[in-house]
Amino acid sequence: MDQMKSRVFLVGCPRSGTTLLQSLLAAHPQIASVPETHFFKHLSFKSKFWNETLGRLEFISRRGRGRLKSLLRNIGQENRKQYLPRFGLFNLQYVRAFTQILDDFTKEQGKSIWIEKTPGHLRYIDYITKVIPDAKFIHIIRQGEDVVASLYEATNQYPEQWGRALDIDECITSWNSSIQISQRYSHQPNHILVVYENLVNNPQAILEKLCDFLGVEFDQSMMQNRKSAAKSIVLDSEPWKSTVYQSISKDNSNKFFKLFDDGEREYIRSRLLEIHHS
């Protein structure tokens, strides 16, 4: 297969159902997917000084190089060193390598679409569009109360894997800012917005709409093979994603009431933005 039909990024606030949707899409016979890469976030330098000097010139950071190696390792191709730019100094060289790795990984399976799901890539849409002009974006949004509860629980239960535990205010800010970004792009070409609650209530209808967006026919294997597809996209180091292997349900909405008392719930509700979507 010579031509890639679509290069797709699945984005949204963490804990919004991105892994569930990724598993459903990855079960399609024409769609390949990989574990989260966090690639574009790590193109920048950690140090503000180096980011404002070398980063402005688009020099690649050591973290960016490392993420490319992690991608190869996670798809079982760590020996394919030829993908790594030999004298790579600039971001664009590594973006081209990143794209080539995913293109080849997809074509080798006889597929024509790849989906990369890192929720935080939501904040790099403009840059991704600049360096991968034909990229498509699927945004998923979920009720704020449920996301705040799930994000708070996951980061406090697994602070090392998440970098640190988030407090309630940080979870609220994360959801609010993510919603604002997604709503800003919702009517732009190559962008589509999925409401998590609609996906859970009527998965086939939403998947049919997404298949139309991606230019492929809906396939029943998306519903039937979701759990086996999840095994190739969820890492052992991501235990908070284990619910992806359960039946699709809205049970997690109870987490908001289990984790927070009356005062906290009232506070969270007062701080969350309204969702405007069509």
C-alpha atoms as a PDB file:
ATOM      1  CA  MET A   1       0.000   0.000   0.000  1.00  0.00           C
ATOM      2  CA  ASP A   2       1.674   3.191  -1.209  1.00  0.00           C
ATOM      3  CA  GLN A   3      -0.675   5.933  -0.089  1.00  0.00           C
ATOM      4  CA  MET A   4      -1.640   6.931   3.420  1.00  0.00           C
ATOM      5  CA  LYS A   5      -5.319   7.783   3.592  1.00  0.00           C
ATOM      6  CA  SER A   6      -5.162   9.666   6.896  1.00  0.00           C
ATOM      7  CA  ARG A   7      -2.739  10.648   9.659  1.00  0.00           C
ATOM      8  CA  VAL A   8      -4.863  11.219  12.731  1.00  0.00           C
ATOM      9  CA  PHE A   9      -4.315  12.630  16.214  1.00  0.00           C
ATOM     10  CA  LEU A  10      -6.823  11.785  18.944  1.00  0.00           C
ATOM     11  CA  VAL A  11      -6.752  14.512  21.587  1.00  0.00           C
ATOM     12  CA  GLY A  12      -8.600  15.832  24.639  1.00  0.00           C
ATOM     13  CA  CYS A  13      -8.262  16.358  28.357  1.00  0.00           C
ATOM     14  CA  PRO A  14      -6.707  13.290  30.034  1.00  0.00           C
ATOM     15  CA  ARG A  15      -9.304  10.900  31.513  1.00  0.00           C
ATOM     16  CA  SER A  16     -11.934  11.910  28.949  1.00  0.00           C
ATOM     17  CA  GLY A  17     -12.281   8.506  27.288  1.00  0.00           C
ATOM     18  CA  THR A  18      -9.455   8.864  24.782  1.00  0.00           C
ATOM     19  CA  THR A  19      -8.204   5.300  25.369  1.00  0.00           C
ATOM     20  CA  LEU A  20     -11.691   3.825  24.936  1.00  0.00           C
ATOM     21  CA  LEU A  21     -12.169   5.651  21.642  1.00  0.00           C
ATOM     22  CA  GLN A  22      -8.664   4.741  20.492  1.00  0.00           C
ATOM     23  CA  SER A  23      -9.330   1.043  21.143  1.00  0.00           C
ATOM     24  CA  LEU A  24     -12.563   1.166  19.137  1.00  0.00           C
ATOM     25  CA  LEU A  25     -10.870   2.871  16.194  1.00  0.00           C
ATOM     26  CA  ALA A  26      -7.774   0.647  16.350  1.00  0.00           C
ATOM     27  CA  ALA A  27      -9.997  -2.415  15.908  1.00  0.00           C
ATOM     28  CA  HIS A  28     -10.882  -1.277  12.371  1.00  0.00           C
ATOM     29  CA  PRO A  29      -9.139  -3.380   9.675  1.00  0.00           C
ATOM     30  CA  GLN A  30      -7.743  -0.253   7.978  1.00  0.00           C
ATOM     31  CA  ILE A  31      -6.545   1.584  11.096  1.00  0.00           C
ATOM     32  CA  ALA A  32      -3.246   1.159  12.943  1.00  0.00           C
ATOM     33  CA  SER A  33      -2.472   2.717  16.304  1.00  0.00           C
ATOM     34  CA  VAL A  34       0.325   2.835  18.870  1.00  0.00           C
ATOM     35  CA  PRO A  35       0.772   3.559  22.593  1.00  0.00           C
ATOM     36  CA  GLU A  36       0.899   7.226  23.623  1.00  0.00           C
ATOM     37  CA  THR A  37       4.074   8.867  22.301  1.00  0.00           C
ATOM     38  CA  HIS A  38       4.061  12.288  24.049  1.00  0.00           C
ATOM     39  CA  PHE A  39       6.331  13.189  21.147  1.00  0.00           C
ATOM     40  CA  PHE A  40       5.434  16.821  20.474  1.00  0.00           C
ATOM     41  CA  LYS A  41       5.453  17.818  24.124  1.00  0.00           C
ATOM     42  CA  HIS A  42       9.033  16.605  24.410  1.00  0.00           C
ATOM     43  CA  LEU A  43      10.348  18.491  21.401  1.00  0.00           C
ATOM     44  CA  SER A  44      10.738  21.503  23.685  1.00  0.00           C
ATOM     45  CA  PHE A  45      13.484  21.922  26.278  1.00  0.00           C
ATOM     46  CA  LYS A  46      12.677  21.631  29.988  1.00  0.00           C
ATOM     47  CA  SER A  47      14.824  24.639  30.812  1.00  0.00           C
ATOM     48  CA  LYS A  48      13.206  28.003  30.051  1.00  0.00           C
ATOM     49  CA  PHE A  49      16.621  29.410  29.066  1.00  0.00           C
ATOM     50  CA  TRP A  50      17.352  26.694  26.507  1.00  0.00           C
ATOM     51  CA  ASN A  51      13.785  26.772  25.247  1.00  0.00           C
ATOM     52  CA  GLU A  52      14.067  30.495  24.540  1.00  0.00           C
ATOM     53  CA  THR A  53      17.441  30.138  22.811  1.00  0.00           C
ATOM     54  CA  LEU A  54      17.846  26.736  21.135  1.00  0.00           C
ATOM     55  CA  GLY A  55      14.080  26.061  21.165  1.00  0.00           C
ATOM     56  CA  ARG A  56      13.355  29.204  19.195  1.00  0.00           C
ATOM     57  CA  LEU A  57      15.702  27.948  16.483  1.00  0.00           C
ATOM     58  CA  GLU A  58      13.827  24.614  16.584  1.00  0.00           C
ATOM     59  CA  PHE A  59      16.796  22.586  17.755  1.00  0.00           C
ATOM     60  CA  ILE A  60      15.703  19.134  18.910  1.00  0.00           C
ATOM     61  CA  SER A  61      15.849  18.450  22.648  1.00  0.00           C
ATOM     62  CA  ARG A  62      17.354  15.290  24.129  1.00  0.00           C
ATOM     63  CA  ARG A  63      13.850  14.397  25.346  1.00  0.00           C
ATOM     64  CA  GLY A  64      12.548  14.568  21.778  1.00  0.00           C
ATOM     65  CA  ARG A  65      15.217  12.145  20.561  1.00  0.00           C
ATOM     66  CA  GLY A  66      14.370   9.824  23.452  1.00  0.00           C
ATOM     67  CA  ARG A  67      10.675   9.807  22.568  1.00  0.00           C
ATOM     68  CA  LEU A  68      11.451   8.628  19.042  1.00  0.00           C
ATOM     69  CA  LYS A  69      13.431   5.710  20.487  1.00  0.00           C
ATOM     70  CA  SER A  70      10.552   4.940  22.877  1.00  0.00           C
ATOM     71  CA  LEU A  71       8.120   4.847  19.956  1.00  0.00           C
ATOM     72  CA  LEU A  72      10.289   2.297  18.129  1.00  0.00           C
ATOM     73  CA  ARG A  73      10.592   0.216  21.303  1.00  0.00           C
ATOM     74  CA  ASN A  74       6.845   0.284  21.972  1.00  0.00           C
ATOM     75  CA  ILE A  75       6.030  -1.012  18.489  1.00  0.00           C
ATOM     76  CA  GLY A  76       8.732  -3.693  18.599  1.00  0.00           C
ATOM     77  CA  GLN A  77      11.083  -1.987  16.127  1.00  0.00           C
ATOM     78  CA  GLU A  78      13.859  -0.735  18.397  1.00  0.00           C
ATOM     79  CA  ASN A  79      16.500  -2.264  16.113  1.00  0.00           C
ATOM     80  CA  ARG A  80      15.472  -0.042  13.199  1.00  0.00           C
ATOM     81  CA  LYS A  81      18.060   2.624  13.922  1.00  0.00           C
ATOM     82  CA  GLN A  82      17.857   3.858  10.316  1.00  0.00           C
ATOM     83  CA  TYR A  83      14.801   5.892  11.277  1.00  0.00           C
ATOM     84  CA  LEU A  84      16.819   8.043  13.696  1.00  0.00           C
ATOM     85  CA  PRO A  85      18.330  11.093  11.955  1.00  0.00           C
ATOM     86  CA  ARG A  86      22.084  10.485  11.835  1.00  0.00           C
ATOM     87  CA  PHE A  87      23.029  14.125  12.309  1.00  0.00           C
ATOM     88  CA  GLY A  88      19.668  15.301  13.533  1.00  0.00           C
ATOM     89  CA  LEU A  89      19.773  18.730  15.119  1.00  0.00           C
ATOM     90  CA  PHE A  90      16.369  20.163  14.271  1.00  0.00           C
ATOM     91  CA  ASN A  91      12.803  19.329  15.246  1.00  0.00           C
ATOM     92  CA  LEU A  92      11.632  18.940  11.659  1.00  0.00           C
ATOM     93  CA  GLN A  93      14.088  16.098  11.007  1.00  0.00           C
ATOM     94  CA  TYR A  94      12.594  14.190  13.932  1.00  0.00           C
ATOM     95  CA  VAL A  95       9.011  15.030  12.961  1.00  0.00           C
ATOM     96  CA  ARG A  96       9.703  13.558   9.518  1.00  0.00           C
ATOM     97  CA  ALA A  97      11.183  10.456  11.164  1.00  0.00           C
ATOM     98  CA  PHE A  98       8.170  10.205  13.517  1.00  0.00           C
ATOM     99  CA  THR A  99       5.789  10.391  10.560  1.00  0.00           C
ATOM    100  CA  GLN A 100       7.813   7.879   8.530  1.00  0.00           C
ATOM    101  CA  ILE A 101       7.873   5.387  11.406  1.00  0.00           C
ATOM    102  CA  LEU A 102       4.077   5.531  11.748  1.00  0.00           C
ATOM    103  CA  ASP A 103       3.538   5.456   7.970  1.00  0.00           C
ATOM    104  CA  ASP A 104       5.715   2.359   7.550  1.00  0.00           C
ATOM    105  CA  PHE A 105       4.262   0.670  10.643  1.00  0.00           C
ATOM    106  CA  THR A 106       0.793   1.168   9.132  1.00  0.00           C
ATOM    107  CA  LYS A 107       1.666   0.084   5.589  1.00  0.00           C
ATOM    108  CA  GLU A 108       3.449  -3.059   6.818  1.00  0.00           C
ATOM    109  CA  GLN A 109       0.112  -4.172   8.290  1.00  0.00           C
ATOM    110  CA  GLY A 110      -1.666  -3.493   4.994  1.00  0.00           C
ATOM    111  CA  LYS A 111      -3.518  -0.538   6.529  1.00  0.00           C
ATOM    112  CA  SER A 112      -4.002   3.026   5.305  1.00  0.00           C
ATOM    113  CA  ILE A 113      -4.702   5.135   8.426  1.00  0.00           C
ATOM    114  CA  TRP A 114      -2.757   5.668  11.624  1.00  0.00           C
ATOM    115  CA  ILE A 115      -4.087   7.160  14.823  1.00  0.00           C
ATOM    116  CA  GLU A 116      -1.751   8.601  17.450  1.00  0.00           C
ATOM    117  CA  LYS A 117      -3.404   9.262  20.795  1.00  0.00           C
ATOM    118  CA  THR A 118      -1.653  11.490  23.302  1.00  0.00           C
ATOM    119  CA  PRO A 119      -4.257  13.678  25.039  1.00  0.00           C
ATOM    120  CA  GLY A 120      -1.728  16.474  25.625  1.00  0.00           C
ATOM    121  CA  HIS A 121      -1.073  16.877  21.907  1.00  0.00           C
ATOM    122  CA  LEU A 122      -4.229  18.990  22.059  1.00  0.00           C
ATOM    123  CA  ARG A 123      -1.922  21.848  23.050  1.00  0.00           C
ATOM    124  CA  TYR A 124       0.324  21.397  20.018  1.00  0.00           C
ATOM    125  CA  ILE A 125      -2.306  21.376  17.261  1.00  0.00           C
ATOM    126  CA  ASP A 126      -0.991  24.484  15.494  1.00  0.00           C
ATOM    127  CA  TYR A 127       2.552  23.126  15.382  1.00  0.00           C
ATOM    128  CA  ILE A 128       1.425  19.643  14.307  1.00  0.00           C
ATOM    129  CA  THR A 129      -0.656  21.169  11.509  1.00  0.00           C
ATOM    130  CA  LYS A 130       2.365  23.198  10.413  1.00  0.00           C
ATOM    131  CA  VAL A 131       4.691  20.185  10.171  1.00  0.00           C
ATOM    132  CA  ILE A 132       2.091  17.547   9.117  1.00  0.00           C
ATOM    133  CA  PRO A 133      -0.281  19.646   6.964  1.00  0.00           C
ATOM    134  CA  ASP A 134      -2.682  16.791   6.136  1.00  0.00           C
ATOM    135  CA  ALA A 135      -3.146  15.780   9.802  1.00  0.00           C
ATOM    136  CA  LYS A 136      -6.677  15.209  11.054  1.00  0.00           C
ATOM    137  CA  PHE A 137      -7.783  15.668  14.647  1.00  0.00           C
ATOM    138  CA  ILE A 138     -10.442  13.862  16.649  1.00  0.00           C
ATOM    139  CA  HIS A 139     -11.321  15.723  19.860  1.00  0.00           C
ATOM    140  CA  ILE A 140     -13.166  13.953  22.650  1.00  0.00           C
ATOM    141  CA  ILE A 141     -14.889  15.902  25.418  1.00  0.00           C
ATOM    142  CA  ARG A 142     -16.521  14.527  28.531  1.00  0.00           C
ATOM    143  CA  GLN A 143     -18.615  15.912  31.376  1.00  0.00           C
ATOM    144  CA  GLY A 144     -16.314  18.041  33.527  1.00  0.00           C
ATOM    145  CA  GLU A 145     -17.343  16.563  36.873  1.00  0.00           C
ATOM    146  CA  ASP A 146     -16.398  13.054  35.771  1.00  0.00           C
ATOM    147  CA  VAL A 147     -13.075  14.132  34.242  1.00  0.00           C
ATOM    148  CA  VAL A 148     -12.030  16.098  37.325  1.00  0.00           C
ATOM    149  CA  ALA A 149     -12.842  13.104  39.542  1.00  0.00           C
ATOM    150  CA  SER A 150     -11.028  10.617  37.320  1.00  0.00           C
ATOM    151  CA  LEU A 151      -7.979  12.856  36.805  1.00  0.00           C
ATOM    152  CA  TYR A 152      -7.756  13.598  40.525  1.00  0.00           C
ATOM    153  CA  GLU A 153      -7.960   9.894  41.388  1.00  0.00           C
ATOM    154  CA  ALA A 154      -5.452   8.740  38.751  1.00  0.00           C
ATOM    155  CA  THR A 155      -2.790  11.334  39.527  1.00  0.00           C
ATOM    156  CA  ASN A 156      -3.090  10.842  43.292  1.00  0.00           C
ATOM    157  CA  GLN A 157      -3.047   7.056  42.981  1.00  0.00           C
ATOM    158  CA  TYR A 158      -0.112   6.999  40.525  1.00  0.00           C
ATOM    159  CA  PRO A 159       1.810  10.269  41.115  1.00  0.00           C
ATOM    160  CA  GLU A 160       5.135   8.928  39.846  1.00  0.00           C
ATOM    161  CA  GLN A 161       3.748   7.806  36.505  1.00  0.00           C
ATOM    162  CA  TRP A 162       1.861  11.082  36.060  1.00  0.00           C
ATOM    163  CA  GLY A 163       4.764  13.264  37.187  1.00  0.00           C
ATOM    164  CA  ARG A 164       2.955  14.325  40.373  1.00  0.00           C
ATOM    165  CA  ALA A 165      -0.425  14.324  42.065  1.00  0.00           C
ATOM    166  CA  LEU A 166      -2.817  17.089  40.974  1.00  0.00           C
ATOM    167  CA  ASP A 167      -5.054  18.970  43.371  1.00  0.00           C
ATOM    168  CA  ILE A 168      -8.697  19.785  42.638  1.00  0.00           C
ATOM    169  CA  ASP A 169      -7.939  23.225  41.211  1.00  0.00           C
ATOM    170  CA  GLU A 170      -5.332  21.832  38.813  1.00  0.00           C
ATOM    171  CA  CYS A 171      -7.784  19.202  37.578  1.00  0.00           C
ATOM    172  CA  ILE A 172     -10.437  21.873  37.008  1.00  0.00           C
ATOM    173  CA  THR A 173      -7.951  24.083  35.139  1.00  0.00           C
ATOM    174  CA  SER A 174      -6.845  21.157  32.976  1.00  0.00           C
ATOM    175  CA  TRP A 175     -10.413  20.390  31.931  1.00  0.00           C
ATOM    176  CA  ASN A 176     -11.427  24.020  31.409  1.00  0.00           C
ATOM    177  CA  SER A 177      -8.423  24.838  29.225  1.00  0.00           C
ATOM    178  CA  SER A 178      -8.836  21.626  27.203  1.00  0.00           C
ATOM    179  CA  ILE A 179     -12.497  22.389  26.519  1.00  0.00           C
ATOM    180  CA  GLN A 180     -11.648  25.900  25.375  1.00  0.00           C
ATOM    181  CA  ILE A 181      -9.048  24.589  22.938  1.00  0.00           C
ATOM    182  CA  SER A 182     -11.316  21.890  21.489  1.00  0.00           C
ATOM    183  CA  GLN A 183     -14.213  24.302  21.073  1.00  0.00           C
ATOM    184  CA  ARG A 184     -11.919  26.714  19.238  1.00  0.00           C
ATOM    185  CA  TYR A 185     -11.157  24.074  16.605  1.00  0.00           C
ATOM    186  CA  SER A 186     -14.549  22.338  16.517  1.00  0.00           C
ATOM    187  CA  HIS A 187     -15.727  23.822  13.203  1.00  0.00           C
ATOM    188  CA  GLN A 188     -12.387  23.874  11.402  1.00  0.00           C
ATOM    189  CA  PRO A 189     -11.618  21.532   8.481  1.00  0.00           C
ATOM    190  CA  ASN A 190      -9.895  18.271   9.464  1.00  0.00           C
ATOM    191  CA  HIS A 191     -11.289  18.494  13.008  1.00  0.00           C
ATOM    192  CA  ILE A 192     -14.196  16.563  14.511  1.00  0.00           C
ATOM    193  CA  LEU A 193     -15.543  16.648  18.050  1.00  0.00           C
ATOM    194  CA  VAL A 194     -16.881  13.580  19.872  1.00  0.00           C
ATOM    195  CA  VAL A 195     -18.916  13.777  23.072  1.00  0.00           C
ATOM    196  CA  TYR A 196     -17.949  10.913  25.386  1.00  0.00           C
ATOM    197  CA  GLU A 197     -21.473  10.459  26.737  1.00  0.00           C
ATOM    198  CA  ASN A 198     -22.809  10.070  23.176  1.00  0.00           C
ATOM    199  CA  LEU A 199     -20.087   7.518  22.425  1.00  0.00           C
ATOM    200  CA  VAL A 200     -21.029   5.447  25.486  1.00  0.00           C
ATOM    201  CA  ASN A 201     -24.776   5.656  24.798  1.00  0.00           C
ATOM    202  CA  ASN A 202     -24.590   4.860  21.079  1.00  0.00           C
ATOM    203  CA  PRO A 203     -21.080   3.746  20.072  1.00  0.00           C
ATOM    204  CA  GLN A 204     -21.967   2.492  16.602  1.00  0.00           C
ATOM    205  CA  ALA A 205     -23.584   5.785  15.547  1.00  0.00           C
ATOM    206  CA  ILE A 206     -20.527   7.749  16.669  1.00  0.00           C
ATOM    207  CA  LEU A 207     -18.122   5.303  15.033  1.00  0.00           C
ATOM    208  CA  GLU A 208     -20.044   5.503  11.755  1.00  0.00           C
ATOM    209  CA  LYS A 209     -19.673   9.280  11.855  1.00  0.00           C
ATOM    210  CA  LEU A 210     -15.953   8.988  12.565  1.00  0.00           C
ATOM    211  CA  CYS A 211     -15.446   6.446   9.779  1.00  0.00           C
ATOM    212  CA  ASP A 212     -17.088   8.883   7.377  1.00  0.00           C
ATOM    213  CA  PHE A 213     -14.679  11.588   8.612  1.00  0.00           C
ATOM    214  CA  LEU A 214     -11.728   9.229   8.036  1.00  0.00           C
ATOM    215  CA  GLY A 215     -12.943   8.035   4.647  1.00  0.00           C
ATOM    216  CA  VAL A 216     -13.513   4.359   5.492  1.00  0.00           C
ATOM    217  CA  GLU A 217     -16.575   2.159   5.891  1.00  0.00           C
ATOM    218  CA  PHE A 218     -17.749   1.281   9.383  1.00  0.00           C
ATOM    219  CA  ASP A 219     -16.775  -2.284  10.304  1.00  0.00           C
ATOM    220  CA  GLN A 220     -18.397  -4.423  13.007  1.00  0.00           C
ATOM    221  CA  SER A 221     -14.933  -5.509  14.158  1.00  0.00           C
ATOM    222  CA  MET A 222     -14.653  -2.091  15.806  1.00  0.00           C
ATOM    223  CA  MET A 223     -17.245  -3.198  18.332  1.00  0.00           C
ATOM    224  CA  GLN A 224     -16.206  -6.848  18.510  1.00  0.00           C
ATOM    225  CA  ASN A 225     -12.387  -6.608  18.644  1.00  0.00           C
ATOM    226  CA  ARG A 226     -11.958  -3.519  20.822  1.00  0.00           C
ATOM    227  CA  LYS A 227     -10.472  -5.343  23.820  1.00  0.00           C
ATOM    228  CA  SER A 228      -7.860  -7.205  21.784  1.00  0.00           C
ATOM    229  CA  ALA A 229      -6.926  -3.969  19.981  1.00  0.00           C
ATOM    230  CA  ALA A 230      -6.433  -2.319  23.377  1.00  0.00           C
ATOM    231  CA  LYS A 231      -3.624  -4.766  24.225  1.00  0.00           C
ATOM    232  CA  SER A 232      -1.357  -3.169  21.608  1.00  0.00           C
ATOM    233  CA  ILE A 233      -1.970   0.410  22.716  1.00  0.00           C
ATOM    234  CA  VAL A 234      -2.007   0.180  26.538  1.00  0.00           C
ATOM    235  CA  LEU A 235       1.349  -0.265  28.267  1.00  0.00           C
ATOM    236  CA  ASP A 236       1.949  -2.281  31.451  1.00  0.00           C
ATOM    237  CA  SER A 237       3.109   0.974  33.060  1.00  0.00           C
ATOM    238  CA  GLU A 238      -0.396   2.486  32.631  1.00  0.00           C
ATOM    239  CA  PRO A 239      -2.573   0.614  35.181  1.00  0.00           C
ATOM    240  CA  TRP A 240      -5.153   3.432  35.331  1.00  0.00           C
ATOM    241  CA  LYS A 241      -6.208   2.445  31.794  1.00  0.00           C
ATOM    242  CA  SER A 242      -7.297  -1.066  32.817  1.00  0.00           C
ATOM    243  CA  THR A 243     -10.977  -0.048  32.607  1.00  0.00           C
ATOM    244  CA  VAL A 244     -10.636  -0.071  28.811  1.00  0.00           C
ATOM    245  CA  TYR A 245     -10.987  -3.871  29.006  1.00  0.00           C
ATOM    246  CA  GLN A 246     -14.362  -3.610  30.738  1.00  0.00           C
ATOM    247  CA  SER A 247     -17.733  -3.306  29.049  1.00  0.00           C
ATOM    248  CA  ILE A 248     -18.653   0.153  27.817  1.00  0.00           C
ATOM    249  CA  SER A 249     -20.740   1.818  30.509  1.00  0.00           C
ATOM    250  CA  LYS A 250     -21.359   5.099  32.321  1.00  0.00           C
ATOM    251  CA  ASP A 251     -20.578   3.662  35.769  1.00  0.00           C
ATOM    252  CA  ASN A 252     -17.561   5.906  36.255  1.00  0.00           C
ATOM    253  CA  SER A 253     -19.867   8.903  36.662  1.00  0.00           C
ATOM    254  CA  ASN A 254     -20.328   7.792  40.308  1.00  0.00           C
ATOM    255  CA  LYS A 255     -16.681   8.621  41.018  1.00  0.00           C
ATOM    256  CA  PHE A 256     -17.499  12.310  41.431  1.00  0.00           C
ATOM    257  CA  PHE A 257     -19.808  11.485  44.344  1.00  0.00           C
ATOM    258  CA  LYS A 258     -17.485   8.901  45.896  1.00  0.00           C
ATOM    259  CA  LEU A 259     -14.365  11.075  45.918  1.00  0.00           C
ATOM    260  CA  PHE A 260     -15.692  14.499  46.883  1.00  0.00           C
ATOM    261  CA  ASP A 261     -17.883  15.748  49.703  1.00  0.00           C
ATOM    262  CA  ASP A 262     -20.816  18.164  49.248  1.00  0.00           C
ATOM    263  CA  GLY A 263     -18.673  21.283  49.600  1.00  0.00           C
ATOM    264  CA  GLU A 264     -16.044  20.060  47.139  1.00  0.00           C
ATOM    265  CA  ARG A 265     -18.678  19.055  44.602  1.00  0.00           C
ATOM    266  CA  GLU A 266     -20.339  22.468  44.826  1.00  0.00           C
ATOM    267  CA  TYR A 267     -16.950  24.180  44.467  1.00  0.00           C
ATOM    268  CA  ILE A 268     -16.006  22.105  41.411  1.00  0.00           C
ATOM    269  CA  ARG A 269     -19.341  22.715  39.690  1.00  0.00           C
ATOM    270  CA  SER A 270     -19.022  26.469  40.256  1.00  0.00           C
ATOM    271  CA  ARG A 271     -15.596  26.543  38.579  1.00  0.00           C
ATOM    272  CA  LEU A 272     -16.268  24.374  35.526  1.00  0.00           C
ATOM    273  CA  LEU A 273     -16.953  26.089  32.227  1.00  0.00           C
ATOM    274  CA  GLU A 274     -20.057  25.338  30.172  1.00  0.00           C
ATOM    275  CA  ILE A 275     -19.645  23.080  27.164  1.00  0.00           C
ATOM    276  CA  HIS A 276     -20.935  24.499  23.890  1.00  0.00           C
ATOM    277  CA  HIS A 277     -21.122  21.876  21.166  1.00  0.00           C
ATOM    278  CA  SER A 278     -23.444  21.060  18.305  1.00  0.00           C
END
